[in-house]
Structure formats: structure tokens, C-alpha cells
Amino acid sequence: MVKCPTCGKKVQWATSPHRPFCSERCKLVDLGRWLDESYRIPSGLEDESRGKADESDG
């Protein structure tokens, strides 16, 4: 059993056609969150640019 990443419902991994999601709806909700940029992968670029700005101010 695994938890659906969208709603948390427990799902049988081996028998779920939508794995790791519990349903097509949860799969589409997750896709929508990626498309709306609700999810982001940290790049570290913001921290680097802040550090460079601080160095040039001093």
C-alpha cells in the first residue's frame, strides 16, 4: 500500500492503473499543480545571486 501524493488515500500499488495516484482525477490535479507552477524544484540560483549582490554592495 502507498499513499496517493494528492489526497493521501491508500492505494494498492500493484493493482492501481493510475499509480502512484488513486484515480485519474488525482493524477490531473497533480499535473495542474505542475502547470500552475505550484510545485517548484529549487535551483539554488536565487541564493547565489543574493550573495553576489551583497558582495558588490560592500
N, C-alpha and C. Protein backbone atom coordinates (compact mmCIF):
# COMPACT_ATOMS: atom_id res chain seq x y z
N MET A 1 0.85 -1.19 0.00
CA MET A 1 0.00 0.00 0.00
C MET A 1 0.89 1.24 0.00
N VAL A 2 0.49 2.20 -0.80
CA VAL A 2 1.15 3.50 -0.84
C VAL A 2 0.07 4.58 -0.71
N LYS A 3 0.49 5.78 -0.31
CA LYS A 3 -0.45 6.89 -0.21
C LYS A 3 -0.44 7.69 -1.51
N CYS A 4 -1.61 8.05 -1.96
CA CYS A 4 -1.74 8.92 -3.12
C CYS A 4 -1.08 10.26 -2.77
N PRO A 5 -0.17 10.76 -3.60
CA PRO A 5 0.50 12.02 -3.29
C PRO A 5 -0.42 13.23 -3.30
N THR A 6 -1.58 13.11 -3.92
CA THR A 6 -2.50 14.24 -4.00
C THR A 6 -3.47 14.28 -2.82
N CYS A 7 -4.13 13.16 -2.53
CA CYS A 7 -5.17 13.18 -1.50
C CYS A 7 -4.82 12.37 -0.26
N GLY A 8 -3.79 11.53 -0.34
CA GLY A 8 -3.37 10.74 0.81
C GLY A 8 -4.10 9.42 0.98
N LYS A 9 -5.03 9.10 0.09
CA LYS A 9 -5.76 7.84 0.16
C LYS A 9 -4.80 6.68 -0.08
N LYS A 10 -4.98 5.59 0.67
CA LYS A 10 -4.13 4.41 0.49
C LYS A 10 -4.52 3.66 -0.78
N VAL A 11 -3.51 3.25 -1.54
CA VAL A 11 -3.72 2.61 -2.84
C VAL A 11 -2.88 1.35 -2.93
N GLN A 12 -3.45 0.30 -3.49
CA GLN A 12 -2.68 -0.92 -3.78
C GLN A 12 -1.78 -0.61 -4.97
N TRP A 13 -0.47 -0.64 -4.78
CA TRP A 13 0.47 -0.29 -5.84
C TRP A 13 0.33 -1.20 -7.05
N ALA A 14 0.30 -2.49 -6.82
CA ALA A 14 0.32 -3.46 -7.92
C ALA A 14 -0.94 -3.42 -8.79
N THR A 15 -2.06 -3.04 -8.22
CA THR A 15 -3.31 -3.10 -8.97
C THR A 15 -3.84 -1.75 -9.44
N SER A 16 -3.17 -0.67 -9.07
CA SER A 16 -3.66 0.66 -9.44
C SER A 16 -3.21 1.05 -10.85
N PRO A 17 -4.15 1.31 -11.75
CA PRO A 17 -3.77 1.73 -13.10
C PRO A 17 -3.26 3.18 -13.15
N HIS A 18 -3.46 3.93 -12.06
CA HIS A 18 -3.08 5.34 -12.03
C HIS A 18 -1.88 5.60 -11.11
N ARG A 19 -1.19 4.54 -10.71
CA ARG A 19 -0.15 4.69 -9.71
C ARG A 19 0.85 5.77 -10.05
N PRO A 20 1.33 6.52 -9.13
CA PRO A 20 1.14 6.38 -7.68
C PRO A 20 -0.13 7.05 -7.18
N PHE A 21 -0.98 7.50 -8.08
CA PHE A 21 -2.21 8.18 -7.68
C PHE A 21 -3.35 7.18 -7.51
N CYS A 22 -4.40 7.60 -6.82
CA CYS A 22 -5.54 6.70 -6.60
C CYS A 22 -6.54 6.76 -7.73
N SER A 23 -6.51 7.83 -8.52
CA SER A 23 -7.50 8.00 -9.58
C SER A 23 -6.97 8.91 -10.67
N GLU A 24 -7.67 8.93 -11.78
CA GLU A 24 -7.34 9.85 -12.88
C GLU A 24 -7.46 11.29 -12.41
N ARG A 25 -8.46 11.57 -11.57
CA ARG A 25 -8.66 12.92 -11.06
C ARG A 25 -7.44 13.41 -10.28
N CYS A 26 -6.93 12.58 -9.37
CA CYS A 26 -5.77 12.98 -8.59
C CYS A 26 -4.54 13.17 -9.48
N LYS A 27 -4.43 12.36 -10.52
CA LYS A 27 -3.33 12.50 -11.46
C LYS A 27 -3.41 13.85 -12.17
N LEU A 28 -4.62 14.24 -12.58
CA LEU A 28 -4.80 15.51 -13.28
C LEU A 28 -4.63 16.71 -12.34
N VAL A 29 -5.05 16.56 -11.09
CA VAL A 29 -4.83 17.62 -10.10
C VAL A 29 -3.33 17.87 -9.94
N ASP A 30 -2.55 16.80 -9.85
CA ASP A 30 -1.10 16.92 -9.72
C ASP A 30 -0.50 17.60 -10.95
N LEU A 31 -0.93 17.19 -12.13
CA LEU A 31 -0.44 17.80 -13.37
C LEU A 31 -0.76 19.29 -13.38
N GLY A 32 -1.98 19.64 -12.98
CA GLY A 32 -2.37 21.05 -12.92
C GLY A 32 -1.49 21.86 -11.98
N ARG A 33 -1.10 21.27 -10.87
CA ARG A 33 -0.22 21.97 -9.93
C ARG A 33 1.15 22.23 -10.54
N TRP A 34 1.66 21.27 -11.31
CA TRP A 34 2.93 21.50 -12.01
C TRP A 34 2.78 22.60 -13.06
N LEU A 35 1.68 22.57 -13.81
CA LEU A 35 1.48 23.55 -14.87
C LEU A 35 1.25 24.95 -14.31
N ASP A 36 0.64 25.05 -13.13
CA ASP A 36 0.43 26.34 -12.48
C ASP A 36 1.66 26.81 -11.72
N GLU A 37 2.71 26.01 -11.74
CA GLU A 37 3.96 26.27 -11.02
C GLU A 37 3.77 26.31 -9.51
N SER A 38 2.78 25.54 -9.01
CA SER A 38 2.62 25.40 -7.57
C SER A 38 3.76 24.58 -6.99
N TYR A 39 4.28 23.65 -7.80
CA TYR A 39 5.45 22.87 -7.41
C TYR A 39 6.66 23.48 -8.10
N ARG A 40 7.76 23.55 -7.39
CA ARG A 40 8.99 24.06 -7.99
C ARG A 40 10.16 23.23 -7.51
N ILE A 41 11.11 23.08 -8.36
CA ILE A 41 12.35 22.40 -8.00
C ILE A 41 13.36 23.49 -7.67
N PRO A 42 13.89 23.50 -6.44
CA PRO A 42 14.83 24.56 -6.07
C PRO A 42 16.08 24.49 -6.94
N SER A 43 16.51 25.64 -7.44
CA SER A 43 17.68 25.67 -8.31
C SER A 43 18.92 26.15 -7.60
N GLY A 44 18.75 26.91 -6.52
CA GLY A 44 19.90 27.46 -5.82
C GLY A 44 20.39 28.75 -6.45
N LEU A 45 19.86 29.14 -7.59
CA LEU A 45 20.31 30.35 -8.27
C LEU A 45 19.94 31.61 -7.51
N GLU A 46 18.80 31.63 -6.84
CA GLU A 46 18.41 32.81 -6.08
C GLU A 46 19.40 33.08 -4.96
N ASP A 47 19.84 32.04 -4.26
CA ASP A 47 20.80 32.22 -3.18
C ASP A 47 22.12 32.73 -3.71
N GLU A 48 22.57 32.22 -4.85
CA GLU A 48 23.83 32.66 -5.43
C GLU A 48 23.76 34.12 -5.84
N SER A 49 22.66 34.55 -6.46
CA SER A 49 22.55 35.93 -6.92
C SER A 49 22.46 36.89 -5.73
N ARG A 50 21.85 36.48 -4.63
CA ARG A 50 21.80 37.32 -3.44
C ARG A 50 23.20 37.52 -2.87
N GLY A 51 23.97 36.46 -2.84
CA GLY A 51 25.33 36.55 -2.32
C GLY A 51 26.19 37.48 -3.15
N LYS A 52 26.05 37.45 -4.45
CA LYS A 52 26.82 38.32 -5.34
C LYS A 52 26.38 39.77 -5.16
N ALA A 53 25.09 40.02 -4.96
CA ALA A 53 24.60 41.38 -4.75
C ALA A 53 25.14 41.93 -3.44
N ASP A 54 25.20 41.11 -2.41
CA ASP A 54 25.73 41.56 -1.12
C ASP A 54 27.21 41.92 -1.24
N GLU A 55 27.97 41.15 -2.00
CA GLU A 55 29.39 41.41 -2.16
C GLU A 55 29.63 42.72 -2.90
N SER A 56 28.81 43.04 -3.90
CA SER A 56 29.02 44.25 -4.68
C SER A 56 28.57 45.50 -3.92
N ASP A 57 27.69 45.34 -2.93
CA ASP A 57 27.23 46.48 -2.14
C ASP A 57 28.31 47.00 -1.20
N GLY A 58 29.18 46.11 -0.76
CA GLY A 58 30.13 46.42 0.29
C GLY A 58 31.34 47.04 -0.21
